[in-house]
């Protein structure tokens, strides 16, 4: 069985350095591992009311199901105002809620960060 590693890019800019790094990592042919870039470009801003009132956007469901099917993650992100970009934090929030259905639980992760 292959280990499926999700690559999540913390930048929405089409020509971002983070996306270029992600593409380079995804192209690595490493025995026993398969890399897949998981897009966060279309995720609406997290709102707990969506979960609380059973009105979850389809984009949340698709994202959460994708994450459930992966074994580990690499987050590739730019430094953004001495932190991470809001789009990456939003993706982490969507995957971690509702708290009893956290799709990140027990999955290893690494963070690659770049700055100019």
C-alpha atoms as a PDB file:
ATOM      1  CA  UNK A   1       0.000   0.000   0.000  1.00  0.00           C
ATOM      2  CA  UNK A   2       1.322   3.416  -0.897  1.00  0.00           C
ATOM      3  CA  UNK A   3       1.579   6.187   1.625  1.00  0.00           C
ATOM      4  CA  UNK A   4      -0.473   9.059   0.281  1.00  0.00           C
ATOM      5  CA  UNK A   5       1.022  12.385   1.282  1.00  0.00           C
ATOM      6  CA  UNK A   6      -1.140  15.475   0.829  1.00  0.00           C
ATOM      7  CA  UNK A   7       0.559  18.742  -0.065  1.00  0.00           C
ATOM      8  CA  UNK A   8      -1.325  21.829   1.052  1.00  0.00           C
ATOM      9  CA  UNK A   9      -0.120  25.163  -0.272  1.00  0.00           C
ATOM     10  CA  UNK A  10      -0.673  28.235   1.890  1.00  0.00           C
ATOM     11  CA  UNK A  11      -0.799  30.647  -1.022  1.00  0.00           C
ATOM     12  CA  UNK A  12      -3.559  31.440  -3.483  1.00  0.00           C
ATOM     13  CA  UNK A  13      -1.378  33.347  -5.950  1.00  0.00           C
ATOM     14  CA  UNK A  14      -1.077  31.440  -9.223  1.00  0.00           C
ATOM     15  CA  UNK A  15       2.677  31.999  -9.597  1.00  0.00           C
ATOM     16  CA  UNK A  16       3.599  31.801  -5.906  1.00  0.00           C
ATOM     17  CA  UNK A  17       6.915  30.345  -4.817  1.00  0.00           C
ATOM     18  CA  UNK A  18       5.014  27.987  -2.503  1.00  0.00           C
ATOM     19  CA  UNK A  19       3.081  26.518  -5.439  1.00  0.00           C
ATOM     20  CA  UNK A  20       6.328  26.081  -7.371  1.00  0.00           C
ATOM     21  CA  UNK A  21       7.902  24.277  -4.412  1.00  0.00           C
ATOM     22  CA  UNK A  22       4.777  22.107  -4.059  1.00  0.00           C
ATOM     23  CA  UNK A  23       4.927  21.104  -7.722  1.00  0.00           C
ATOM     24  CA  UNK A  24       8.601  20.177  -7.365  1.00  0.00           C
ATOM     25  CA  UNK A  25       7.858  18.036  -4.296  1.00  0.00           C
ATOM     26  CA  UNK A  26       4.862  16.401  -5.992  1.00  0.00           C
ATOM     27  CA  UNK A  27       7.115  15.351  -8.892  1.00  0.00           C
ATOM     28  CA  UNK A  28       9.512  13.448  -6.622  1.00  0.00           C
ATOM     29  CA  UNK A  29       9.434   9.741  -7.380  1.00  0.00           C
ATOM     30  CA  UNK A  30      10.010   8.185  -3.963  1.00  0.00           C
ATOM     31  CA  UNK A  31       9.308   4.471  -3.613  1.00  0.00           C
ATOM     32  CA  UNK A  32       6.248   3.726  -1.511  1.00  0.00           C
ATOM     33  CA  UNK A  33       5.031   7.330  -1.471  1.00  0.00           C
ATOM     34  CA  UNK A  34       2.511   9.168  -3.581  1.00  0.00           C
ATOM     35  CA  UNK A  35       2.221  12.950  -3.360  1.00  0.00           C
ATOM     36  CA  UNK A  36      -0.980  14.835  -4.114  1.00  0.00           C
ATOM     37  CA  UNK A  37      -1.543  18.580  -4.051  1.00  0.00           C
ATOM     38  CA  UNK A  38      -4.803  19.400  -2.277  1.00  0.00           C
ATOM     39  CA  UNK A  39      -6.240  22.722  -3.381  1.00  0.00           C
ATOM     40  CA  UNK A  40      -7.578  25.171  -0.811  1.00  0.00           C
ATOM     41  CA  UNK A  41      -8.280  27.869  -3.406  1.00  0.00           C
ATOM     42  CA  UNK A  42     -12.080  27.539  -3.356  1.00  0.00           C
ATOM     43  CA  UNK A  43     -12.754  27.064   0.370  1.00  0.00           C
ATOM     44  CA  UNK A  44     -15.273  29.523   1.834  1.00  0.00           C
ATOM     45  CA  UNK A  45     -14.248  31.174   5.104  1.00  0.00           C
ATOM     46  CA  UNK A  46     -14.955  28.842   8.018  1.00  0.00           C
ATOM     47  CA  UNK A  47     -18.148  29.557   9.940  1.00  0.00           C
ATOM     48  CA  UNK A  48     -19.154  27.194  12.739  1.00  0.00           C
ATOM     49  CA  UNK A  49     -22.826  27.909  12.009  1.00  0.00           C
ATOM     50  CA  UNK A  50     -22.463  25.817   8.845  1.00  0.00           C
ATOM     51  CA  UNK A  51     -21.672  22.751  10.979  1.00  0.00           C
ATOM     52  CA  UNK A  52     -24.019  23.609  13.836  1.00  0.00           C
ATOM     53  CA  UNK A  53     -27.055  24.059  11.571  1.00  0.00           C
ATOM     54  CA  UNK A  54     -26.246  21.267   9.084  1.00  0.00           C
ATOM     55  CA  UNK A  55     -25.689  23.703   6.227  1.00  0.00           C
ATOM     56  CA  UNK A  56     -22.130  22.642   5.314  1.00  0.00           C
ATOM     57  CA  UNK A  57     -20.844  23.996   1.993  1.00  0.00           C
ATOM     58  CA  UNK A  58     -20.024  21.273  -0.530  1.00  0.00           C
ATOM     59  CA  UNK A  59     -16.432  22.575  -0.685  1.00  0.00           C
ATOM     60  CA  UNK A  60     -15.992  21.729   3.024  1.00  0.00           C
ATOM     61  CA  UNK A  61     -17.288  18.194   2.516  1.00  0.00           C
ATOM     62  CA  UNK A  62     -15.085  17.558  -0.528  1.00  0.00           C
ATOM     63  CA  UNK A  63     -12.021  18.927   1.304  1.00  0.00           C
ATOM     64  CA  UNK A  64     -12.682  16.956   4.489  1.00  0.00           C
ATOM     65  CA  UNK A  65     -13.211  13.711   2.569  1.00  0.00           C
ATOM     66  CA  UNK A  66      -9.997  14.268   0.604  1.00  0.00           C
ATOM     67  CA  UNK A  67      -8.020  14.822   3.823  1.00  0.00           C
ATOM     68  CA  UNK A  68      -9.530  11.692   5.411  1.00  0.00           C
ATOM     69  CA  UNK A  69      -8.119   9.604   2.537  1.00  0.00           C
ATOM     70  CA  UNK A  70      -4.529  10.809   2.989  1.00  0.00           C
ATOM     71  CA  UNK A  71      -1.926   9.436   5.397  1.00  0.00           C
ATOM     72  CA  UNK A  72       0.219  12.505   6.107  1.00  0.00           C
ATOM     73  CA  UNK A  73       0.701  16.120   5.040  1.00  0.00           C
ATOM     74  CA  UNK A  74       3.236  18.656   3.949  1.00  0.00           C
ATOM     75  CA  UNK A  75       2.144  22.245   4.420  1.00  0.00           C
ATOM     76  CA  UNK A  76       4.078  24.535   2.091  1.00  0.00           C
ATOM     77  CA  UNK A  77       3.590  28.157   2.999  1.00  0.00           C
ATOM     78  CA  UNK A  78       5.078  31.581   2.665  1.00  0.00           C
ATOM     79  CA  UNK A  79       5.864  33.631   5.723  1.00  0.00           C
ATOM     80  CA  UNK A  80       3.031  36.122   5.786  1.00  0.00           C
ATOM     81  CA  UNK A  81       3.216  39.057   8.195  1.00  0.00           C
ATOM     82  CA  UNK A  82       5.260  36.897  10.596  1.00  0.00           C
ATOM     83  CA  UNK A  83       2.635  34.153  10.514  1.00  0.00           C
ATOM     84  CA  UNK A  84       0.799  31.943   8.029  1.00  0.00           C
ATOM     85  CA  UNK A  85      -1.663  33.192   5.410  1.00  0.00           C
ATOM     86  CA  UNK A  86      -5.331  33.309   6.351  1.00  0.00           C
ATOM     87  CA  UNK A  87      -6.241  30.822   3.604  1.00  0.00           C
ATOM     88  CA  UNK A  88      -4.040  28.154   5.215  1.00  0.00           C
ATOM     89  CA  UNK A  89      -5.441  28.819   8.693  1.00  0.00           C
ATOM     90  CA  UNK A  90      -8.931  28.601   7.191  1.00  0.00           C
ATOM     91  CA  UNK A  91      -8.152  25.168   5.674  1.00  0.00           C
ATOM     92  CA  UNK A  92      -6.790  23.906   8.999  1.00  0.00           C
ATOM     93  CA  UNK A  93      -9.923  25.176  10.749  1.00  0.00           C
ATOM     94  CA  UNK A  94     -12.263  23.519   8.241  1.00  0.00           C
ATOM     95  CA  UNK A  95     -10.489  20.190   8.688  1.00  0.00           C
ATOM     96  CA  UNK A  96     -10.461  20.398  12.480  1.00  0.00           C
ATOM     97  CA  UNK A  97     -14.172  21.048  12.929  1.00  0.00           C
ATOM     98  CA  UNK A  98     -16.490  19.826  14.269  1.00  0.00           C
ATOM     99  CA  UNK A  99     -13.985  18.848  16.948  1.00  0.00           C
ATOM    100  CA  UNK A 100     -15.253  15.269  17.228  1.00  0.00           C
ATOM    101  CA  UNK A 101     -14.647  14.799  13.470  1.00  0.00           C
ATOM    102  CA  UNK A 102     -11.155  16.324  13.173  1.00  0.00           C
ATOM    103  CA  UNK A 103      -9.714  14.941   9.903  1.00  0.00           C
ATOM    104  CA  UNK A 104      -6.127  15.826  10.945  1.00  0.00           C
ATOM    105  CA  UNK A 105      -6.123  13.547  14.028  1.00  0.00           C
ATOM    106  CA  UNK A 106      -3.184  11.135  14.303  1.00  0.00           C
ATOM    107  CA  UNK A 107      -1.688  12.116  10.948  1.00  0.00           C
ATOM    108  CA  UNK A 108       1.943  13.248  10.737  1.00  0.00           C
ATOM    109  CA  UNK A 109       2.731  16.574   9.130  1.00  0.00           C
ATOM    110  CA  UNK A 110       5.666  18.723   8.105  1.00  0.00           C
ATOM    111  CA  UNK A 111       5.838  22.435   7.368  1.00  0.00           C
ATOM    112  CA  UNK A 112       7.979  23.943   4.607  1.00  0.00           C
ATOM    113  CA  UNK A 113       8.164  27.711   4.801  1.00  0.00           C
ATOM    114  CA  UNK A 114       9.787  30.295   2.555  1.00  0.00           C
ATOM    115  CA  UNK A 115      10.399  33.987   2.765  1.00  0.00           C
ATOM    116  CA  UNK A 116      12.010  36.588   0.568  1.00  0.00           C
END
